[in-house]
All heavy atoms as atom14 arrays in JSON, in Angstrom:
{
  "sequence": "KVFAAGADIKEMQAMDHTAMVLRARALQDAFTAVARI",
  "atom14_mask": [
    [1, 1, 1, 1, 1, 1, 1, 1, 1, 0, 0, 0, 0, 0],
    [1, 1, 1, 1, 1, 1, 1, 0, 0, 0, 0, 0, 0, 0],
    [1, 1, 1, 1, 1, 1, 1, 1, 1, 1, 1, 0, 0, 0],
    [1, 1, 1, 1, 1, 0, 0, 0, 0, 0, 0, 0, 0, 0],
    [1, 1, 1, 1, 1, 0, 0, 0, 0, 0, 0, 0, 0, 0],
    [1, 1, 1, 1, 0, 0, 0, 0, 0, 0, 0, 0, 0, 0],
    [1, 1, 1, 1, 1, 0, 0, 0, 0, 0, 0, 0, 0, 0],
    [1, 1, 1, 1, 1, 1, 1, 1, 0, 0, 0, 0, 0, 0],
    [1, 1, 1, 1, 1, 1, 1, 1, 0, 0, 0, 0, 0, 0],
    [1, 1, 1, 1, 1, 1, 1, 1, 1, 0, 0, 0, 0, 0],
    [1, 1, 1, 1, 1, 1, 1, 1, 1, 0, 0, 0, 0, 0],
    [1, 1, 1, 1, 1, 1, 1, 1, 0, 0, 0, 0, 0, 0],
    [1, 1, 1, 1, 1, 1, 1, 1, 1, 0, 0, 0, 0, 0],
    [1, 1, 1, 1, 1, 0, 0, 0, 0, 0, 0, 0, 0, 0],
    [1, 1, 1, 1, 1, 1, 1, 1, 0, 0, 0, 0, 0, 0],
    [1, 1, 1, 1, 1, 1, 1, 1, 0, 0, 0, 0, 0, 0],
    [1, 1, 1, 1, 1, 1, 1, 1, 1, 1, 0, 0, 0, 0],
    [1, 1, 1, 1, 1, 1, 1, 0, 0, 0, 0, 0, 0, 0],
    [1, 1, 1, 1, 1, 0, 0, 0, 0, 0, 0, 0, 0, 0],
    [1, 1, 1, 1, 1, 1, 1, 1, 0, 0, 0, 0, 0, 0],
    [1, 1, 1, 1, 1, 1, 1, 0, 0, 0, 0, 0, 0, 0],
    [1, 1, 1, 1, 1, 1, 1, 1, 0, 0, 0, 0, 0, 0],
    [1, 1, 1, 1, 1, 1, 1, 1, 1, 1, 1, 0, 0, 0],
    [1, 1, 1, 1, 1, 0, 0, 0, 0, 0, 0, 0, 0, 0],
    [1, 1, 1, 1, 1, 1, 1, 1, 1, 1, 1, 0, 0, 0],
    [1, 1, 1, 1, 1, 0, 0, 0, 0, 0, 0, 0, 0, 0],
    [1, 1, 1, 1, 1, 1, 1, 1, 0, 0, 0, 0, 0, 0],
    [1, 1, 1, 1, 1, 1, 1, 1, 1, 0, 0, 0, 0, 0],
    [1, 1, 1, 1, 1, 1, 1, 1, 0, 0, 0, 0, 0, 0],
    [1, 1, 1, 1, 1, 0, 0, 0, 0, 0, 0, 0, 0, 0],
    [1, 1, 1, 1, 1, 1, 1, 1, 1, 1, 1, 0, 0, 0],
    [1, 1, 1, 1, 1, 1, 1, 0, 0, 0, 0, 0, 0, 0],
    [1, 1, 1, 1, 1, 0, 0, 0, 0, 0, 0, 0, 0, 0],
    [1, 1, 1, 1, 1, 1, 1, 0, 0, 0, 0, 0, 0, 0],
    [1, 1, 1, 1, 1, 0, 0, 0, 0, 0, 0, 0, 0, 0],
    [1, 1, 1, 1, 1, 1, 1, 1, 1, 1, 1, 0, 0, 0],
    [1, 1, 1, 1, 1, 1, 1, 1, 0, 0, 0, 0, 0, 0]
  ],
  "atom14_positions": [
    [[7.94, 5.61, 19.58], [6.53, 5.63, 19.89], [5.63, 4.82, 19.06], [4.67, 4.31, 19.53], [6.06, 7.12, 19.74], [6.66, 8.08, 20.7], [6.11, 9.55, 20.62], [6.76, 10.44, 21.66], [6.16, 11.83, 21.48], [0.0, 0.0, 0.0], [0.0, 0.0, 0.0], [0.0, 0.0, 0.0], [0.0, 0.0, 0.0], [0.0, 0.0, 0.0]],
    [[6.0, 4.56, 17.77], [5.12, 3.82, 16.89], [5.97, 3.21, 15.79], [6.92, 3.84, 15.3], [3.99, 4.65, 16.33], [4.53, 5.82, 15.46], [2.99, 3.86, 15.53], [0.0, 0.0, 0.0], [0.0, 0.0, 0.0], [0.0, 0.0, 0.0], [0.0, 0.0, 0.0], [0.0, 0.0, 0.0], [0.0, 0.0, 0.0], [0.0, 0.0, 0.0]],
    [[5.63, 1.97, 15.39], [6.27, 1.37, 14.27], [5.61, 1.86, 12.97], [6.2, 2.53, 12.24], [6.16, -0.17, 14.36], [6.93, -0.92, 13.32], [8.32, -0.95, 13.34], [6.24, -1.63, 12.34], [8.95, -1.58, 12.35], [6.95, -2.39, 11.45], [8.31, -2.31, 11.39], [0.0, 0.0, 0.0], [0.0, 0.0, 0.0], [0.0, 0.0, 0.0]],
    [[4.34, 1.52, 12.76], [3.5, 2.01, 11.65], [2.12, 1.6, 11.91], [1.83, 0.42, 12.08], [4.04, 1.5, 10.34], [0.0, 0.0, 0.0], [0.0, 0.0, 0.0], [0.0, 0.0, 0.0], [0.0, 0.0, 0.0], [0.0, 0.0, 0.0], [0.0, 0.0, 0.0], [0.0, 0.0, 0.0], [0.0, 0.0, 0.0], [0.0, 0.0, 0.0]],
    [[1.24, 2.61, 11.93], [-0.22, 2.33, 12.3], [-1.02, 1.9, 11.08], [-2.27, 1.78, 11.19], [-0.85, 3.56, 12.92], [0.0, 0.0, 0.0], [0.0, 0.0, 0.0], [0.0, 0.0, 0.0], [0.0, 0.0, 0.0], [0.0, 0.0, 0.0], [0.0, 0.0, 0.0], [0.0, 0.0, 0.0], [0.0, 0.0, 0.0], [0.0, 0.0, 0.0]],
    [[-0.35, 1.67, 9.96], [-1.14, 1.14, 8.78], [-1.07, 2.09, 7.56], [-0.28, 3.02, 7.53], [0.0, 0.0, 0.0], [0.0, 0.0, 0.0], [0.0, 0.0, 0.0], [0.0, 0.0, 0.0], [0.0, 0.0, 0.0], [0.0, 0.0, 0.0], [0.0, 0.0, 0.0], [0.0, 0.0, 0.0], [0.0, 0.0, 0.0], [0.0, 0.0, 0.0]],
    [[-2.0, 1.84, 6.66], [-1.97, 2.63, 5.43], [-2.56, 4.01, 5.68], [-3.17, 4.22, 6.76], [-2.88, 1.88, 4.33], [0.0, 0.0, 0.0], [0.0, 0.0, 0.0], [0.0, 0.0, 0.0], [0.0, 0.0, 0.0], [0.0, 0.0, 0.0], [0.0, 0.0, 0.0], [0.0, 0.0, 0.0], [0.0, 0.0, 0.0], [0.0, 0.0, 0.0]],
    [[-2.49, 4.9, 4.76], [-3.07, 6.23, 4.82], [-4.54, 6.06, 4.38], [-4.84, 5.98, 3.18], [-2.3, 7.19, 3.96], [-2.79, 8.64, 4.14], [-4.01, 8.86, 4.23], [-1.9, 9.56, 4.15], [0.0, 0.0, 0.0], [0.0, 0.0, 0.0], [0.0, 0.0, 0.0], [0.0, 0.0, 0.0], [0.0, 0.0, 0.0], [0.0, 0.0, 0.0]],
    [[-5.46, 5.98, 5.27], [-6.81, 5.64, 5.01], [-7.52, 6.76, 4.22], [-8.27, 6.51, 3.24], [-7.64, 5.38, 6.34], [-6.98, 4.26, 7.09], [-9.1, 5.01, 5.94], [-6.85, 2.92, 6.32], [0.0, 0.0, 0.0], [0.0, 0.0, 0.0], [0.0, 0.0, 0.0], [0.0, 0.0, 0.0], [0.0, 0.0, 0.0], [0.0, 0.0, 0.0]],
    [[-7.16, 7.98, 4.45], [-7.73, 9.05, 3.67], [-7.33, 8.98, 2.17], [-8.14, 9.17, 1.27], [-7.34, 10.44, 4.25], [-8.0, 10.76, 5.58], [-7.57, 12.11, 6.06], [-8.22, 12.41, 7.41], [-7.86, 13.72, 7.95], [0.0, 0.0, 0.0], [0.0, 0.0, 0.0], [0.0, 0.0, 0.0], [0.0, 0.0, 0.0], [0.0, 0.0, 0.0]],
    [[-6.04, 8.67, 1.96], [-5.55, 8.49, 0.58], [-6.29, 7.25, -0.05], [-6.71, 7.37, -1.24], [-4.09, 8.19, 0.64], [-3.47, 8.06, -0.73], [-1.95, 7.83, -0.69], [-1.59, 6.72, -0.16], [-1.16, 8.72, -1.06], [0.0, 0.0, 0.0], [0.0, 0.0, 0.0], [0.0, 0.0, 0.0], [0.0, 0.0, 0.0], [0.0, 0.0, 0.0]],
    [[-6.5, 6.21, 0.67], [-7.15, 5.0, 0.14], [-8.63, 5.26, -0.16], [-9.16, 4.77, -1.14], [-6.93, 3.82, 1.05], [-5.56, 3.26, 1.1], [-5.43, 1.85, 2.25], [-6.54, 0.68, 1.49], [0.0, 0.0, 0.0], [0.0, 0.0, 0.0], [0.0, 0.0, 0.0], [0.0, 0.0, 0.0], [0.0, 0.0, 0.0], [0.0, 0.0, 0.0]],
    [[-9.29, 6.03, 0.71], [-10.71, 6.34, 0.54], [-10.98, 6.99, -0.81], [-12.03, 6.79, -1.41], [-11.2, 7.17, 1.72], [-12.66, 7.35, 1.66], [-13.16, 8.33, 2.81], [-12.35, 9.06, 3.4], [-14.41, 8.19, 3.22], [0.0, 0.0, 0.0], [0.0, 0.0, 0.0], [0.0, 0.0, 0.0], [0.0, 0.0, 0.0], [0.0, 0.0, 0.0]],
    [[-10.01, 7.79, -1.26], [-10.22, 8.52, -2.49], [-10.01, 7.6, -3.73], [-10.22, 8.11, -4.81], [-9.27, 9.73, -2.54], [0.0, 0.0, 0.0], [0.0, 0.0, 0.0], [0.0, 0.0, 0.0], [0.0, 0.0, 0.0], [0.0, 0.0, 0.0], [0.0, 0.0, 0.0], [0.0, 0.0, 0.0], [0.0, 0.0, 0.0], [0.0, 0.0, 0.0]],
    [[-9.59, 6.41, -3.58], [-9.18, 5.53, -4.66], [-10.4, 4.66, -5.04], [-11.06, 4.05, -4.15], [-8.03, 4.69, -4.36], [-6.78, 5.48, -4.03], [-5.34, 4.45, -3.53], [-4.84, 3.7, -5.03], [0.0, 0.0, 0.0], [0.0, 0.0, 0.0], [0.0, 0.0, 0.0], [0.0, 0.0, 0.0], [0.0, 0.0, 0.0], [0.0, 0.0, 0.0]],
    [[-10.68, 4.5, -6.32], [-11.78, 3.61, -6.71], [-11.16, 2.25, -7.12], [-9.91, 2.01, -6.99], [-12.6, 4.2, -7.87], [-11.73, 4.54, -9.06], [-10.61, 4.06, -9.17], [-12.27, 5.19, -9.99], [0.0, 0.0, 0.0], [0.0, 0.0, 0.0], [0.0, 0.0, 0.0], [0.0, 0.0, 0.0], [0.0, 0.0, 0.0], [0.0, 0.0, 0.0]],
    [[-12.0, 1.33, -7.65], [-11.55, 0.08, -7.97], [-10.4, 0.04, -9.03], [-9.36, -0.66, -8.91], [-12.7, -0.8, -8.53], [-12.29, -2.11, -9.07], [-12.29, -2.38, -10.43], [-11.83, -3.25, -8.53], [-11.89, -3.65, -10.66], [-11.58, -4.18, -9.5], [0.0, 0.0, 0.0], [0.0, 0.0, 0.0], [0.0, 0.0, 0.0], [0.0, 0.0, 0.0]],
    [[-10.59, 0.85, -10.04], [-9.59, 0.91, -11.11], [-8.27, 1.44, -10.59], [-7.21, 0.84, -10.89], [-10.04, 1.9, -12.26], [-11.29, 1.35, -12.74], [-9.0, 1.98, -13.3], [0.0, 0.0, 0.0], [0.0, 0.0, 0.0], [0.0, 0.0, 0.0], [0.0, 0.0, 0.0], [0.0, 0.0, 0.0], [0.0, 0.0, 0.0], [0.0, 0.0, 0.0]],
    [[-8.28, 2.43, -9.7], [-7.05, 2.98, -9.14], [-6.31, 1.89, -8.29], [-5.09, 1.8, -8.37], [-7.33, 4.15, -8.31], [0.0, 0.0, 0.0], [0.0, 0.0, 0.0], [0.0, 0.0, 0.0], [0.0, 0.0, 0.0], [0.0, 0.0, 0.0], [0.0, 0.0, 0.0], [0.0, 0.0, 0.0], [0.0, 0.0, 0.0], [0.0, 0.0, 0.0]],
    [[-7.08, 1.14, -7.49], [-6.4, 0.1, -6.65], [-5.95, -1.05, -7.5], [-4.93, -1.65, -7.18], [-7.36, -0.38, -5.56], [-6.67, -1.23, -4.54], [-5.09, -0.58, -3.9], [-5.66, 0.72, -2.82], [0.0, 0.0, 0.0], [0.0, 0.0, 0.0], [0.0, 0.0, 0.0], [0.0, 0.0, 0.0], [0.0, 0.0, 0.0], [0.0, 0.0, 0.0]],
    [[-6.64, -1.41, -8.61], [-6.14, -2.45, -9.46], [-4.74, -2.06, -9.98], [-3.78, -2.88, -10.04], [-7.09, -2.74, -10.63], [-6.39, -3.5, -11.75], [-8.34, -3.39, -10.19], [0.0, 0.0, 0.0], [0.0, 0.0, 0.0], [0.0, 0.0, 0.0], [0.0, 0.0, 0.0], [0.0, 0.0, 0.0], [0.0, 0.0, 0.0], [0.0, 0.0, 0.0]],
    [[-4.6, -0.8, -10.31], [-3.28, -0.31, -10.81], [-2.23, -0.25, -9.74], [-1.05, -0.29, -10.06], [-3.46, 1.06, -11.52], [-4.4, 1.08, -12.77], [-4.64, 2.5, -13.24], [-3.76, 0.2, -13.85], [0.0, 0.0, 0.0], [0.0, 0.0, 0.0], [0.0, 0.0, 0.0], [0.0, 0.0, 0.0], [0.0, 0.0, 0.0], [0.0, 0.0, 0.0]],
    [[-2.65, -0.07, -8.49], [-1.78, 0.21, -7.37], [-1.33, -1.07, -6.58], [-0.31, -1.14, -5.94], [-2.35, 1.27, -6.42], [-1.46, 1.59, -5.21], [-0.17, 2.27, -5.66], [0.86, 2.09, -4.68], [2.13, 2.43, -4.88], [2.53, 2.96, -6.01], [3.04, 2.27, -3.92], [0.0, 0.0, 0.0], [0.0, 0.0, 0.0], [0.0, 0.0, 0.0]],
    [[-2.28, -2.06, -6.56], [-2.13, -3.14, -5.69], [-0.82, -3.86, -5.83], [-0.19, -4.33, -4.86], [-3.31, -4.11, -5.79], [0.0, 0.0, 0.0], [0.0, 0.0, 0.0], [0.0, 0.0, 0.0], [0.0, 0.0, 0.0], [0.0, 0.0, 0.0], [0.0, 0.0, 0.0], [0.0, 0.0, 0.0], [0.0, 0.0, 0.0], [0.0, 0.0, 0.0]],
    [[-0.37, -4.1, -7.05], [0.9, -4.83, -7.34], [2.08, -4.03, -6.76], [3.03, -4.58, -6.18], [1.09, -5.08, -8.84], [2.43, -5.7, -9.19], [2.62, -7.04, -8.44], [1.7, -8.06, -8.83], [1.89, -8.9, -9.92], [3.01, -8.82, -10.62], [0.97, -9.79, -10.14], [0.0, 0.0, 0.0], [0.0, 0.0, 0.0], [0.0, 0.0, 0.0]],
    [[2.05, -2.76, -7.02], [3.19, -1.83, -6.48], [3.22, -1.9, -4.99], [4.24, -1.88, -4.41], [2.95, -0.44, -6.99], [0.0, 0.0, 0.0], [0.0, 0.0, 0.0], [0.0, 0.0, 0.0], [0.0, 0.0, 0.0], [0.0, 0.0, 0.0], [0.0, 0.0, 0.0], [0.0, 0.0, 0.0], [0.0, 0.0, 0.0], [0.0, 0.0, 0.0]],
    [[2.06, -1.94, -4.31], [2.02, -2.06, -2.87], [2.66, -3.36, -2.36], [3.49, -3.36, -1.53], [0.45, -2.0, -2.39], [0.19, -2.46, -0.98], [0.86, -1.5, 0.09], [-1.3, -2.51, -0.75], [0.0, 0.0, 0.0], [0.0, 0.0, 0.0], [0.0, 0.0, 0.0], [0.0, 0.0, 0.0], [0.0, 0.0, 0.0], [0.0, 0.0, 0.0]],
    [[2.28, -4.48, -3.03], [2.92, -5.75, -2.64], [4.33, -5.79, -2.97], [5.19, -6.32, -2.22], [2.14, -6.89, -3.29], [0.72, -7.14, -2.79], [0.12, -8.39, -3.35], [0.57, -8.97, -4.34], [-0.94, -8.9, -2.73], [0.0, 0.0, 0.0], [0.0, 0.0, 0.0], [0.0, 0.0, 0.0], [0.0, 0.0, 0.0], [0.0, 0.0, 0.0]],
    [[4.73, -5.15, -4.13], [6.15, -5.23, -4.51], [6.99, -4.52, -3.54], [8.16, -4.87, -3.29], [6.28, -4.6, -5.88], [5.81, -5.46, -7.01], [5.55, -6.66, -6.7], [5.7, -4.99, -8.19], [0.0, 0.0, 0.0], [0.0, 0.0, 0.0], [0.0, 0.0, 0.0], [0.0, 0.0, 0.0], [0.0, 0.0, 0.0], [0.0, 0.0, 0.0]],
    [[6.48, -3.4, -2.96], [7.27, -2.68, -1.9], [7.57, -3.53, -0.77], [8.77, -3.53, -0.25], [6.52, -1.43, -1.52], [0.0, 0.0, 0.0], [0.0, 0.0, 0.0], [0.0, 0.0, 0.0], [0.0, 0.0, 0.0], [0.0, 0.0, 0.0], [0.0, 0.0, 0.0], [0.0, 0.0, 0.0], [0.0, 0.0, 0.0], [0.0, 0.0, 0.0]],
    [[6.59, -4.28, -0.24], [6.86, -5.09, 0.94], [7.68, -6.37, 0.58], [8.49, -6.8, 1.34], [5.47, -5.54, 1.52], [4.84, -4.39, 2.28], [4.36, -3.27, 1.63], [4.69, -4.49, 3.65], [3.77, -2.27, 2.31], [4.05, -3.44, 4.37], [3.62, -2.33, 3.69], [0.0, 0.0, 0.0], [0.0, 0.0, 0.0], [0.0, 0.0, 0.0]],
    [[7.45, -6.85, -0.66], [8.25, -8.05, -1.07], [9.75, -7.66, -1.18], [10.63, -8.52, -0.92], [7.74, -8.52, -2.45], [6.37, -9.04, -2.2], [8.56, -9.72, -2.9], [0.0, 0.0, 0.0], [0.0, 0.0, 0.0], [0.0, 0.0, 0.0], [0.0, 0.0, 0.0], [0.0, 0.0, 0.0], [0.0, 0.0, 0.0], [0.0, 0.0, 0.0]],
    [[9.97, -6.42, -1.63], [11.42, -5.93, -1.67], [12.04, -6.01, -0.33], [13.2, -6.37, -0.23], [11.44, -4.55, -2.25], [0.0, 0.0, 0.0], [0.0, 0.0, 0.0], [0.0, 0.0, 0.0], [0.0, 0.0, 0.0], [0.0, 0.0, 0.0], [0.0, 0.0, 0.0], [0.0, 0.0, 0.0], [0.0, 0.0, 0.0], [0.0, 0.0, 0.0]],
    [[11.31, -5.74, 0.7], [11.81, -5.82, 2.06], [12.03, -7.35, 2.48], [13.11, -7.71, 2.93], [10.97, -5.15, 3.07], [11.43, -5.33, 4.51], [10.79, -3.67, 2.73], [0.0, 0.0, 0.0], [0.0, 0.0, 0.0], [0.0, 0.0, 0.0], [0.0, 0.0, 0.0], [0.0, 0.0, 0.0], [0.0, 0.0, 0.0], [0.0, 0.0, 0.0]],
    [[11.03, -8.15, 2.19], [11.09, -9.58, 2.55], [12.28, -10.33, 1.77], [12.81, -11.23, 2.3], [9.77, -10.26, 2.19], [0.0, 0.0, 0.0], [0.0, 0.0, 0.0], [0.0, 0.0, 0.0], [0.0, 0.0, 0.0], [0.0, 0.0, 0.0], [0.0, 0.0, 0.0], [0.0, 0.0, 0.0], [0.0, 0.0, 0.0], [0.0, 0.0, 0.0]],
    [[12.61, -9.78, 0.66], [13.61, -10.41, -0.18], [15.0, -9.88, -0.01], [15.84, -10.2, -0.83], [13.2, -10.48, -1.66], [11.95, -11.42, -1.82], [11.62, -11.57, -3.3], [10.48, -12.55, -3.36], [9.81, -12.78, -4.46], [10.11, -12.07, -5.59], [8.78, -13.63, -4.5], [0.0, 0.0, 0.0], [0.0, 0.0, 0.0], [0.0, 0.0, 0.0]],
    [[15.23, -8.91, 0.87], [16.56, -8.47, 1.18], [17.31, -9.73, 1.6], [16.95, -10.45, 2.53], [16.57, -7.4, 2.33], [15.89, -6.14, 1.92], [18.02, -7.1, 2.75], [15.71, -5.15, 3.04], [0.0, 0.0, 0.0], [0.0, 0.0, 0.0], [0.0, 0.0, 0.0], [0.0, 0.0, 0.0], [0.0, 0.0, 0.0], [0.0, 0.0, 0.0]]
  ]
}
């Protein structure tokens, strides 16, 4: 029915700038791990 409709917006809405600065690298690293299989 669905591949993936995107990020969890409610979870993201609760994050401020500091929280996303700390998270953004881990987000990219997760996808890069797939790209580098």
